[in-house]
Amino acid sequence: MNRRAVVVVLAIAAGIGCATSPAPRYYTIDMQPSHKARAACNIDIGRLRPTEALARNDMLIKKSATEIEYYAADRWASNLGELIREKLETEFGRNPEAEKTVLVSGDILAFEQVDEATGASARIKLVLEFRTEGAARDDGPVLRKIYELTAPAKDQTPGAVAEALSRGLEQLAAAIIEDVNTL
């Protein structure tokens, strides 16, 4: 086969490969407030750091206790830390009558689909630290807590999992507000 024929065959193969890759689909979290709880103070969200496995925008699937994979074409529309921070801020709202502010920051350990024999579930795990406004960073947090939730998704699709993760964040926000109200 001559060089020209090889170039033509490679160009056709590359074109077929590109033509068959699926277009990406983007998902976000439902940013509508649920109004499930109200904080007695203002809650400001600092940085929420996703683990390395969650740092990419691809949606993560936990296939088993030791295996993960990512959807080929389904991605988060933005960095998970920013999406989760925005959702929590929406849930917390602002209290103009509040006399104090609590600062929250932490790590995102899980924000994923979990495949189970009964179908897909959404799993969230956050490790959060709470500080009162004006406190020195060296003083340490007034509270450090792990918030974890697993909820079933309607079906085993990325959209259903994104919806279940949104509802899960609403439940965790209510639990966070309960804790902050005791500080």
N, C-alpha and C. Protein backbone atom coordinates (compact mmCIF):
# COMPACT_ATOMS: atom_id res chain seq x y z
N MET A 1 0.86 -1.17 0.00
CA MET A 1 0.00 0.00 0.00
C MET A 1 0.90 1.23 0.00
N ASN A 2 0.58 2.18 -0.85
CA ASN A 2 1.43 3.36 -0.91
C ASN A 2 1.10 4.34 0.21
N ARG A 3 1.96 5.30 0.36
CA ARG A 3 1.85 6.26 1.45
C ARG A 3 0.55 7.06 1.37
N ARG A 4 0.13 7.42 0.19
CA ARG A 4 -1.10 8.20 0.02
C ARG A 4 -2.33 7.42 0.49
N ALA A 5 -2.39 6.14 0.15
CA ALA A 5 -3.51 5.29 0.55
C ALA A 5 -3.55 5.14 2.07
N VAL A 6 -2.39 5.02 2.70
CA VAL A 6 -2.32 4.90 4.16
C VAL A 6 -2.86 6.17 4.81
N VAL A 7 -2.47 7.33 4.28
CA VAL A 7 -2.94 8.60 4.83
C VAL A 7 -4.46 8.71 4.70
N VAL A 8 -5.02 8.31 3.57
CA VAL A 8 -6.46 8.37 3.35
C VAL A 8 -7.18 7.43 4.31
N VAL A 9 -6.69 6.20 4.49
CA VAL A 9 -7.30 5.24 5.41
C VAL A 9 -7.26 5.77 6.84
N LEU A 10 -6.14 6.32 7.26
CA LEU A 10 -6.02 6.89 8.61
C LEU A 10 -6.96 8.08 8.80
N ALA A 11 -7.09 8.92 7.81
CA ALA A 11 -7.99 10.07 7.91
C ALA A 11 -9.44 9.62 8.04
N ILE A 12 -9.83 8.61 7.28
CA ILE A 12 -11.19 8.08 7.36
C ILE A 12 -11.43 7.45 8.73
N ALA A 13 -10.47 6.68 9.22
CA ALA A 13 -10.61 6.04 10.54
C ALA A 13 -10.72 7.09 11.64
N ALA A 14 -9.92 8.14 11.55
CA ALA A 14 -9.98 9.21 12.55
C ALA A 14 -11.34 9.91 12.49
N GLY A 15 -11.84 10.14 11.29
CA GLY A 15 -13.15 10.78 11.13
C GLY A 15 -14.27 9.94 11.70
N ILE A 16 -14.21 8.62 11.50
CA ILE A 16 -15.23 7.72 12.04
C ILE A 16 -15.16 7.70 13.56
N GLY A 17 -13.95 7.65 14.10
CA GLY A 17 -13.79 7.65 15.56
C GLY A 17 -14.34 8.92 16.18
N CYS A 18 -14.07 10.06 15.57
CA CYS A 18 -14.58 11.33 16.10
C CYS A 18 -16.09 11.44 15.94
N ALA A 19 -16.60 10.90 14.86
CA ALA A 19 -18.03 11.02 14.59
C ALA A 19 -18.86 10.17 15.55
N THR A 20 -18.28 9.13 16.13
CA THR A 20 -19.05 8.24 16.98
C THR A 20 -18.96 8.58 18.47
N SER A 21 -18.07 9.49 18.85
CA SER A 21 -17.99 9.83 20.28
C SER A 21 -19.20 10.70 20.64
N PRO A 22 -19.85 10.37 21.76
CA PRO A 22 -21.07 11.08 22.13
C PRO A 22 -20.79 12.52 22.56
N ALA A 23 -21.73 13.38 22.28
CA ALA A 23 -21.61 14.77 22.72
C ALA A 23 -21.79 14.81 24.23
N PRO A 24 -21.03 15.65 24.91
CA PRO A 24 -21.16 15.72 26.38
C PRO A 24 -22.53 16.26 26.80
N ARG A 25 -23.02 15.75 27.94
CA ARG A 25 -24.24 16.25 28.56
C ARG A 25 -23.84 16.81 29.92
N TYR A 26 -24.36 17.97 30.25
CA TYR A 26 -23.97 18.65 31.48
C TYR A 26 -25.12 18.68 32.48
N TYR A 27 -24.78 18.50 33.75
CA TYR A 27 -25.76 18.47 34.83
C TYR A 27 -25.34 19.47 35.90
N THR A 28 -26.33 19.94 36.61
CA THR A 28 -26.08 20.82 37.74
C THR A 28 -26.98 20.39 38.89
N ILE A 29 -26.85 21.06 39.99
CA ILE A 29 -27.67 20.79 41.15
C ILE A 29 -28.86 21.74 41.10
N ASP A 30 -30.02 21.28 41.55
CA ASP A 30 -31.21 22.13 41.62
C ASP A 30 -30.95 23.22 42.65
N MET A 31 -30.90 24.46 42.22
CA MET A 31 -30.56 25.58 43.11
C MET A 31 -31.78 26.24 43.75
N GLN A 32 -32.96 25.69 43.57
CA GLN A 32 -34.14 26.24 44.23
C GLN A 32 -34.08 25.91 45.73
N PRO A 33 -34.32 26.89 46.61
CA PRO A 33 -34.28 26.60 48.05
C PRO A 33 -35.46 25.74 48.46
N SER A 34 -35.21 24.83 49.39
CA SER A 34 -36.28 23.94 49.86
C SER A 34 -37.04 24.53 51.05
N HIS A 35 -36.42 25.49 51.73
CA HIS A 35 -37.02 26.12 52.92
C HIS A 35 -37.31 25.10 54.02
N LYS A 36 -36.44 24.09 54.16
CA LYS A 36 -36.64 23.06 55.17
C LYS A 36 -36.24 23.51 56.57
N ALA A 37 -35.32 24.49 56.66
CA ALA A 37 -34.88 24.95 57.98
C ALA A 37 -34.37 26.38 57.85
N ARG A 38 -34.32 27.07 58.99
CA ARG A 38 -33.83 28.45 59.00
C ARG A 38 -32.80 28.58 60.12
N ALA A 39 -31.68 29.17 59.77
CA ALA A 39 -30.61 29.34 60.75
C ALA A 39 -30.87 30.58 61.61
N ALA A 40 -30.47 30.49 62.88
CA ALA A 40 -30.59 31.63 63.80
C ALA A 40 -29.51 32.67 63.52
N CYS A 41 -28.46 32.27 62.81
CA CYS A 41 -27.38 33.19 62.47
C CYS A 41 -27.10 33.08 60.97
N ASN A 42 -26.20 33.90 60.49
CA ASN A 42 -25.80 33.78 59.10
C ASN A 42 -24.71 32.73 58.98
N ILE A 43 -24.75 31.98 57.90
CA ILE A 43 -23.76 30.94 57.65
C ILE A 43 -23.06 31.29 56.34
N ASP A 44 -21.77 31.52 56.43
CA ASP A 44 -20.97 31.80 55.24
C ASP A 44 -20.16 30.56 54.90
N ILE A 45 -20.20 30.19 53.63
CA ILE A 45 -19.49 29.00 53.17
C ILE A 45 -18.15 29.43 52.58
N GLY A 46 -17.10 28.86 53.11
CA GLY A 46 -15.77 29.07 52.54
C GLY A 46 -15.51 28.04 51.47
N ARG A 47 -14.29 27.64 51.38
CA ARG A 47 -13.90 26.68 50.34
C ARG A 47 -14.32 25.27 50.70
N LEU A 48 -14.91 24.60 49.74
CA LEU A 48 -15.24 23.18 49.85
C LEU A 48 -14.36 22.45 48.84
N ARG A 49 -13.46 21.62 49.33
CA ARG A 49 -12.46 20.97 48.49
C ARG A 49 -12.87 19.54 48.14
N PRO A 50 -13.07 19.25 46.84
CA PRO A 50 -13.37 17.87 46.45
C PRO A 50 -12.10 17.02 46.51
N THR A 51 -12.25 15.74 46.82
CA THR A 51 -11.12 14.83 46.76
C THR A 51 -10.62 14.75 45.33
N GLU A 52 -9.48 14.14 45.14
CA GLU A 52 -8.90 14.05 43.81
C GLU A 52 -9.82 13.33 42.83
N ALA A 53 -10.49 12.28 43.27
CA ALA A 53 -11.40 11.53 42.39
C ALA A 53 -12.59 12.37 41.96
N LEU A 54 -12.96 13.38 42.76
CA LEU A 54 -14.10 14.24 42.45
C LEU A 54 -13.68 15.57 41.83
N ALA A 55 -12.39 15.82 41.71
CA ALA A 55 -11.92 17.11 41.21
C ALA A 55 -12.21 17.31 39.72
N ARG A 56 -12.37 16.23 39.00
CA ARG A 56 -12.72 16.37 37.58
C ARG A 56 -14.24 16.57 37.46
N ASN A 57 -14.69 17.06 36.33
CA ASN A 57 -16.12 17.34 36.16
C ASN A 57 -16.94 16.13 35.74
N ASP A 58 -16.31 15.01 35.44
CA ASP A 58 -17.03 13.80 35.05
C ASP A 58 -17.80 13.26 36.25
N MET A 59 -19.01 12.78 36.01
CA MET A 59 -19.82 12.20 37.09
C MET A 59 -19.26 10.84 37.48
N LEU A 60 -19.04 10.65 38.77
CA LEU A 60 -18.42 9.44 39.30
C LEU A 60 -19.45 8.39 39.64
N ILE A 61 -19.13 7.14 39.32
CA ILE A 61 -19.97 5.99 39.66
C ILE A 61 -19.13 5.06 40.52
N LYS A 62 -19.62 4.73 41.70
CA LYS A 62 -18.96 3.74 42.54
C LYS A 62 -19.58 2.39 42.21
N LYS A 63 -18.85 1.58 41.46
CA LYS A 63 -19.34 0.28 40.98
C LYS A 63 -19.35 -0.77 42.09
N SER A 64 -18.36 -0.70 42.97
CA SER A 64 -18.25 -1.65 44.08
C SER A 64 -17.42 -0.97 45.17
N ALA A 65 -17.14 -1.70 46.22
CA ALA A 65 -16.37 -1.12 47.32
C ALA A 65 -14.96 -0.71 46.88
N THR A 66 -14.46 -1.31 45.81
CA THR A 66 -13.09 -1.03 45.38
C THR A 66 -12.97 -0.53 43.94
N GLU A 67 -14.08 -0.30 43.25
CA GLU A 67 -14.02 0.09 41.85
C GLU A 67 -14.88 1.31 41.58
N ILE A 68 -14.28 2.28 40.89
CA ILE A 68 -15.03 3.45 40.43
C ILE A 68 -14.84 3.59 38.93
N GLU A 69 -15.77 4.31 38.32
CA GLU A 69 -15.64 4.69 36.92
C GLU A 69 -16.38 6.01 36.74
N TYR A 70 -16.24 6.58 35.57
CA TYR A 70 -16.89 7.84 35.26
C TYR A 70 -17.77 7.67 34.03
N TYR A 71 -18.87 8.40 33.99
CA TYR A 71 -19.68 8.42 32.78
C TYR A 71 -18.84 8.99 31.65
N ALA A 72 -18.99 8.45 30.46
CA ALA A 72 -18.20 8.89 29.32
C ALA A 72 -18.59 10.29 28.85
N ALA A 73 -19.86 10.62 28.88
CA ALA A 73 -20.31 11.90 28.32
C ALA A 73 -21.07 12.77 29.31
N ASP A 74 -21.26 12.30 30.54
CA ASP A 74 -22.08 13.04 31.51
C ASP A 74 -21.16 13.73 32.52
N ARG A 75 -21.31 15.07 32.58
CA ARG A 75 -20.39 15.88 33.38
C ARG A 75 -21.15 16.90 34.21
N TRP A 76 -20.51 17.32 35.29
CA TRP A 76 -21.04 18.44 36.07
C TRP A 76 -20.74 19.72 35.30
N ALA A 77 -21.64 20.67 35.36
CA ALA A 77 -21.49 21.92 34.63
C ALA A 77 -20.39 22.81 35.19
N SER A 78 -19.98 22.53 36.41
CA SER A 78 -18.98 23.36 37.07
C SER A 78 -18.24 22.51 38.10
N ASN A 79 -17.27 23.08 38.73
CA ASN A 79 -16.53 22.44 39.82
C ASN A 79 -17.49 22.06 40.93
N LEU A 80 -17.39 20.83 41.45
CA LEU A 80 -18.31 20.36 42.49
C LEU A 80 -18.26 21.23 43.74
N GLY A 81 -17.09 21.68 44.13
CA GLY A 81 -16.99 22.56 45.30
C GLY A 81 -17.85 23.80 45.15
N GLU A 82 -17.82 24.39 43.96
CA GLU A 82 -18.62 25.59 43.70
C GLU A 82 -20.11 25.27 43.64
N LEU A 83 -20.48 24.17 42.99
CA LEU A 83 -21.90 23.80 42.91
C LEU A 83 -22.48 23.54 44.30
N ILE A 84 -21.77 22.78 45.11
CA ILE A 84 -22.26 22.45 46.45
C ILE A 84 -22.30 23.69 47.33
N ARG A 85 -21.27 24.53 47.24
CA ARG A 85 -21.27 25.78 48.01
C ARG A 85 -22.48 26.64 47.65
N GLU A 86 -22.76 26.78 46.36
CA GLU A 86 -23.90 27.59 45.92
C GLU A 86 -25.23 27.01 46.42
N LYS A 87 -25.37 25.69 46.36
CA LYS A 87 -26.61 25.07 46.84
C LYS A 87 -26.78 25.29 48.34
N LEU A 88 -25.72 25.09 49.11
CA LEU A 88 -25.82 25.29 50.56
C LEU A 88 -26.12 26.75 50.89
N GLU A 89 -25.50 27.68 50.20
CA GLU A 89 -25.81 29.11 50.43
C GLU A 89 -27.27 29.40 50.14
N THR A 90 -27.81 28.79 49.09
CA THR A 90 -29.22 28.97 48.76
C THR A 90 -30.10 28.42 49.88
N GLU A 91 -29.73 27.26 50.39
CA GLU A 91 -30.51 26.65 51.47
C GLU A 91 -30.43 27.47 52.76
N PHE A 92 -29.26 27.99 53.08
CA PHE A 92 -29.08 28.74 54.33
C PHE A 92 -29.74 30.12 54.27
N GLY A 93 -29.68 30.76 53.12
CA GLY A 93 -30.23 32.11 53.00
C GLY A 93 -29.48 33.08 53.89
N ARG A 94 -30.01 34.27 54.03
CA ARG A 94 -29.43 35.30 54.90
C ARG A 94 -30.46 35.68 55.93
N ASN A 95 -30.00 35.93 57.14
CA ASN A 95 -30.86 36.36 58.23
C ASN A 95 -30.43 37.77 58.62
N PRO A 96 -31.16 38.80 58.15
CA PRO A 96 -30.75 40.18 58.40
C PRO A 96 -30.77 40.55 59.89
N GLU A 97 -31.49 39.78 60.70
CA GLU A 97 -31.57 40.07 62.13
C GLU A 97 -30.49 39.34 62.94
N ALA A 98 -29.69 38.52 62.28
CA ALA A 98 -28.69 37.72 62.98
C ALA A 98 -27.59 38.59 63.56
N GLU A 99 -27.15 38.22 64.74
CA GLU A 99 -26.08 38.97 65.39
C GLU A 99 -24.72 38.31 65.20
N LYS A 100 -24.71 37.05 64.78
CA LYS A 100 -23.43 36.41 64.56
C LYS A 100 -23.43 35.67 63.23
N THR A 101 -22.20 35.37 62.79
CA THR A 101 -21.99 34.64 61.55
C THR A 101 -21.07 33.46 61.85
N VAL A 102 -21.43 32.33 61.29
CA VAL A 102 -20.61 31.12 61.41
C VAL A 102 -20.01 30.84 60.04
N LEU A 103 -18.71 30.57 60.02
CA LEU A 103 -17.99 30.27 58.79
C LEU A 103 -17.83 28.76 58.67
N VAL A 104 -18.15 28.22 57.49
CA VAL A 104 -18.08 26.79 57.25
C VAL A 104 -17.14 26.53 56.08
N SER A 105 -16.28 25.54 56.24
CA SER A 105 -15.41 25.10 55.15
C SER A 105 -15.19 23.60 55.33
N GLY A 106 -14.62 22.96 54.33
CA GLY A 106 -14.39 21.54 54.50
C GLY A 106 -14.05 20.80 53.22
N ASP A 107 -14.24 19.50 53.29
CA ASP A 107 -13.88 18.60 52.20
C ASP A 107 -15.09 17.81 51.73
N ILE A 108 -15.13 17.57 50.42
CA ILE A 108 -16.16 16.74 49.81
C ILE A 108 -15.52 15.37 49.58
N LEU A 109 -15.93 14.39 50.37
CA LEU A 109 -15.36 13.05 50.26
C LEU A 109 -16.14 12.15 49.30
N ALA A 110 -17.44 12.41 49.15
CA ALA A 110 -18.26 11.62 48.23
C ALA A 110 -19.37 12.50 47.67
N PHE A 111 -19.58 12.40 46.39
CA PHE A 111 -20.71 13.04 45.70
C PHE A 111 -20.84 12.23 44.42
N GLU A 112 -21.58 11.11 44.54
CA GLU A 112 -21.47 10.09 43.52
C GLU A 112 -22.72 9.23 43.39
N GLN A 113 -22.73 8.50 42.31
CA GLN A 113 -23.72 7.44 42.11
C GLN A 113 -23.12 6.16 42.68
N VAL A 114 -23.92 5.40 43.41
CA VAL A 114 -23.50 4.10 43.92
C VAL A 114 -24.40 3.05 43.28
N ASP A 115 -23.79 2.13 42.57
CA ASP A 115 -24.56 1.05 41.95
C ASP A 115 -24.78 -0.06 42.97
N GLU A 116 -26.05 -0.43 43.15
CA GLU A 116 -26.42 -1.47 44.09
C GLU A 116 -27.31 -2.48 43.37
N ALA A 117 -27.54 -3.60 43.97
CA ALA A 117 -28.38 -4.63 43.36
C ALA A 117 -29.80 -4.11 43.10
N THR A 118 -30.28 -3.19 43.94
CA THR A 118 -31.64 -2.66 43.80
C THR A 118 -31.72 -1.46 42.88
N GLY A 119 -30.59 -0.98 42.37
CA GLY A 119 -30.57 0.19 41.49
C GLY A 119 -29.50 1.17 41.92
N ALA A 120 -29.65 2.41 41.48
CA ALA A 120 -28.66 3.45 41.78
C ALA A 120 -29.07 4.25 43.00
N SER A 121 -28.08 4.64 43.76
CA SER A 121 -28.28 5.55 44.88
C SER A 121 -27.33 6.73 44.73
N ALA A 122 -27.68 7.81 45.38
CA ALA A 122 -26.83 8.99 45.43
C ALA A 122 -26.18 9.02 46.81
N ARG A 123 -24.87 9.26 46.85
CA ARG A 123 -24.15 9.28 48.12
C ARG A 123 -23.38 10.58 48.25
N ILE A 124 -23.54 11.22 49.42
CA ILE A 124 -22.84 12.46 49.74
C ILE A 124 -22.12 12.27 51.06
N LYS A 125 -20.88 12.73 51.12
CA LYS A 125 -20.14 12.72 52.38
C LYS A 125 -19.29 13.99 52.43
N LEU A 126 -19.58 14.82 53.44
CA LEU A 126 -18.88 16.08 53.64
C LEU A 126 -18.25 16.08 55.02
N VAL A 127 -17.03 16.58 55.13
CA VAL A 127 -16.39 16.82 56.42
C VAL A 127 -16.30 18.34 56.55
N LEU A 128 -17.04 18.89 57.52
CA LEU A 128 -17.13 20.34 57.65
C LEU A 128 -16.57 20.82 58.98
N GLU A 129 -15.96 22.00 58.93
CA GLU A 129 -15.47 22.69 60.12
C GLU A 129 -16.22 24.00 60.26
N PHE A 130 -16.57 24.33 61.49
CA PHE A 130 -17.34 25.54 61.79
C PHE A 130 -16.51 26.45 62.67
N ARG A 131 -16.44 27.72 62.31
CA ARG A 131 -15.75 28.73 63.10
C ARG A 131 -16.65 29.95 63.23
N THR A 132 -16.55 30.61 64.34
CA THR A 132 -17.31 31.86 64.48
C THR A 132 -16.53 32.97 63.80
N GLU A 133 -17.25 33.91 63.22
CA GLU A 133 -16.62 35.01 62.51
C GLU A 133 -15.73 35.78 63.47
N GLY A 134 -14.54 36.11 63.01
CA GLY A 134 -13.60 36.86 63.82
C GLY A 134 -12.65 35.99 64.62
N ALA A 135 -12.90 34.71 64.71
CA ALA A 135 -12.01 33.81 65.45
C ALA A 135 -10.74 33.59 64.63
N ALA A 136 -9.63 33.46 65.33
CA ALA A 136 -8.35 33.19 64.65
C ALA A 136 -8.34 31.76 64.13
N ARG A 137 -7.72 31.57 63.00
CA ARG A 137 -7.66 30.23 62.39
C ARG A 137 -6.93 29.26 63.33
N ASP A 138 -5.98 29.76 64.11
CA ASP A 138 -5.23 28.92 65.04
C ASP A 138 -6.09 28.43 66.20
N ASP A 139 -7.23 29.09 66.45
CA ASP A 139 -8.10 28.69 67.55
C ASP A 139 -8.76 27.35 67.28
N GLY A 140 -8.77 26.94 66.06
CA GLY A 140 -9.43 25.68 65.72
C GLY A 140 -10.92 25.86 65.57
N PRO A 141 -11.57 24.89 64.98
CA PRO A 141 -13.01 25.00 64.77
C PRO A 141 -13.79 24.80 66.08
N VAL A 142 -14.97 25.42 66.15
CA VAL A 142 -15.84 25.18 67.30
C VAL A 142 -16.59 23.86 67.13
N LEU A 143 -16.65 23.37 65.89
CA LEU A 143 -17.27 22.08 65.61
C LEU A 143 -16.66 21.53 64.33
N ARG A 144 -16.37 20.25 64.34
CA ARG A 144 -15.93 19.53 63.14
C ARG A 144 -16.79 18.28 63.07
N LYS A 145 -17.49 18.11 61.94
CA LYS A 145 -18.44 17.02 61.86
C LYS A 145 -18.48 16.44 60.45
N ILE A 146 -18.78 15.14 60.39
CA ILE A 146 -18.97 14.45 59.12
C ILE A 146 -20.47 14.35 58.86
N TYR A 147 -20.89 14.79 57.69
CA TYR A 147 -22.28 14.68 57.25
C TYR A 147 -22.31 13.69 56.10
N GLU A 148 -23.13 12.67 56.25
CA GLU A 148 -23.18 11.62 55.23
C GLU A 148 -24.63 11.22 54.98
N LEU A 149 -24.93 10.97 53.71
CA LEU A 149 -26.30 10.62 53.33
C LEU A 149 -26.26 9.75 52.09
N THR A 150 -27.10 8.73 52.06
CA THR A 150 -27.32 7.92 50.87
C THR A 150 -28.82 7.88 50.62
N ALA A 151 -29.21 8.18 49.37
CA ALA A 151 -30.63 8.21 49.02
C ALA A 151 -30.82 7.53 47.67
N PRO A 152 -31.92 6.81 47.50
CA PRO A 152 -32.14 6.14 46.21
C PRO A 152 -32.44 7.15 45.10
N ALA A 153 -31.98 6.83 43.91
CA ALA A 153 -32.33 7.62 42.73
C ALA A 153 -33.54 6.95 42.07
N LYS A 154 -34.34 7.74 41.35
CA LYS A 154 -35.53 7.19 40.69
C LYS A 154 -35.17 6.09 39.71
N ASP A 155 -34.06 6.27 39.03
CA ASP A 155 -33.57 5.24 38.11
C ASP A 155 -32.06 5.39 37.98
N GLN A 156 -31.47 4.58 37.14
CA GLN A 156 -30.02 4.53 37.03
C GLN A 156 -29.53 5.41 35.88
N THR A 157 -29.97 6.67 35.89
CA THR A 157 -29.52 7.63 34.87
C THR A 157 -28.81 8.79 35.57
N PRO A 158 -27.91 9.47 34.87
CA PRO A 158 -27.22 10.60 35.48
C PRO A 158 -28.18 11.70 35.95
N GLY A 159 -29.24 11.95 35.20
CA GLY A 159 -30.21 12.97 35.60
C GLY A 159 -30.92 12.63 36.90
N ALA A 160 -31.30 11.38 37.05
CA ALA A 160 -31.96 10.94 38.29
C ALA A 160 -31.01 11.01 39.47
N VAL A 161 -29.75 10.68 39.24
CA VAL A 161 -28.76 10.75 40.32
C VAL A 161 -28.50 12.21 40.69
N ALA A 162 -28.40 13.11 39.70
CA ALA A 162 -28.21 14.53 40.00
C ALA A 162 -29.38 15.07 40.82
N GLU A 163 -30.59 14.64 40.50
CA GLU A 163 -31.77 15.06 41.26
C GLU A 163 -31.70 14.52 42.70
N ALA A 164 -31.32 13.27 42.86
CA ALA A 164 -31.20 12.68 44.21
C ALA A 164 -30.10 13.37 45.01
N LEU A 165 -29.01 13.74 44.36
CA LEU A 165 -27.95 14.46 45.05
C LEU A 165 -28.42 15.85 45.48
N SER A 166 -29.23 16.50 44.65
CA SER A 166 -29.79 17.81 45.01
C SER A 166 -30.67 17.71 46.25
N ARG A 167 -31.56 16.71 46.27
CA ARG A 167 -32.44 16.51 47.44
C ARG A 167 -31.62 16.14 48.68
N GLY A 168 -30.57 15.36 48.47
CA GLY A 168 -29.70 14.98 49.58
C GLY A 168 -29.01 16.19 50.20
N LEU A 169 -28.56 17.12 49.36
CA LEU A 169 -27.94 18.34 49.89
C LEU A 169 -28.94 19.17 50.70
N GLU A 170 -30.20 19.15 50.29
CA GLU A 170 -31.22 19.86 51.06
C GLU A 170 -31.37 19.25 52.45
N GLN A 171 -31.36 17.93 52.54
CA GLN A 171 -31.46 17.27 53.84
C GLN A 171 -30.23 17.55 54.69
N LEU A 172 -29.05 17.51 54.08
CA LEU A 172 -27.83 17.79 54.83
C LEU A 172 -27.79 19.25 55.29
N ALA A 173 -28.29 20.17 54.47
CA ALA A 173 -28.33 21.58 54.86
C ALA A 173 -29.19 21.77 56.10
N ALA A 174 -30.32 21.06 56.17
CA ALA A 174 -31.18 21.15 57.36
C ALA A 174 -30.45 20.62 58.59
N ALA A 175 -29.68 19.54 58.45
CA ALA A 175 -28.90 19.00 59.57
C ALA A 175 -27.79 19.97 59.98
N ILE A 176 -27.17 20.62 59.03
CA ILE A 176 -26.12 21.60 59.32
C ILE A 176 -26.72 22.77 60.09
N ILE A 177 -27.88 23.25 59.66
CA ILE A 177 -28.55 24.36 60.34
C ILE A 177 -28.88 23.99 61.78
N GLU A 178 -29.35 22.78 62.01
CA GLU A 178 -29.63 22.33 63.38
C GLU A 178 -28.38 22.42 64.24
N ASP A 179 -27.24 21.96 63.70
CA ASP A 179 -25.99 22.02 64.45
C ASP A 179 -25.53 23.46 64.69
N VAL A 180 -25.63 24.30 63.68
CA VAL A 180 -25.20 25.69 63.81
C VAL A 180 -26.07 26.42 64.83
N ASN A 181 -27.33 26.11 64.88
CA ASN A 181 -28.23 26.77 65.83
C ASN A 181 -27.88 26.45 67.29
N THR A 182 -27.08 25.40 67.50
CA THR A 182 -26.68 25.06 68.88
C THR A 182 -25.35 25.69 69.26
N LEU A 183 -24.64 26.31 68.33
CA LEU A 183 -23.33 26.90 68.62
C LEU A 183 -23.45 28.22 69.38
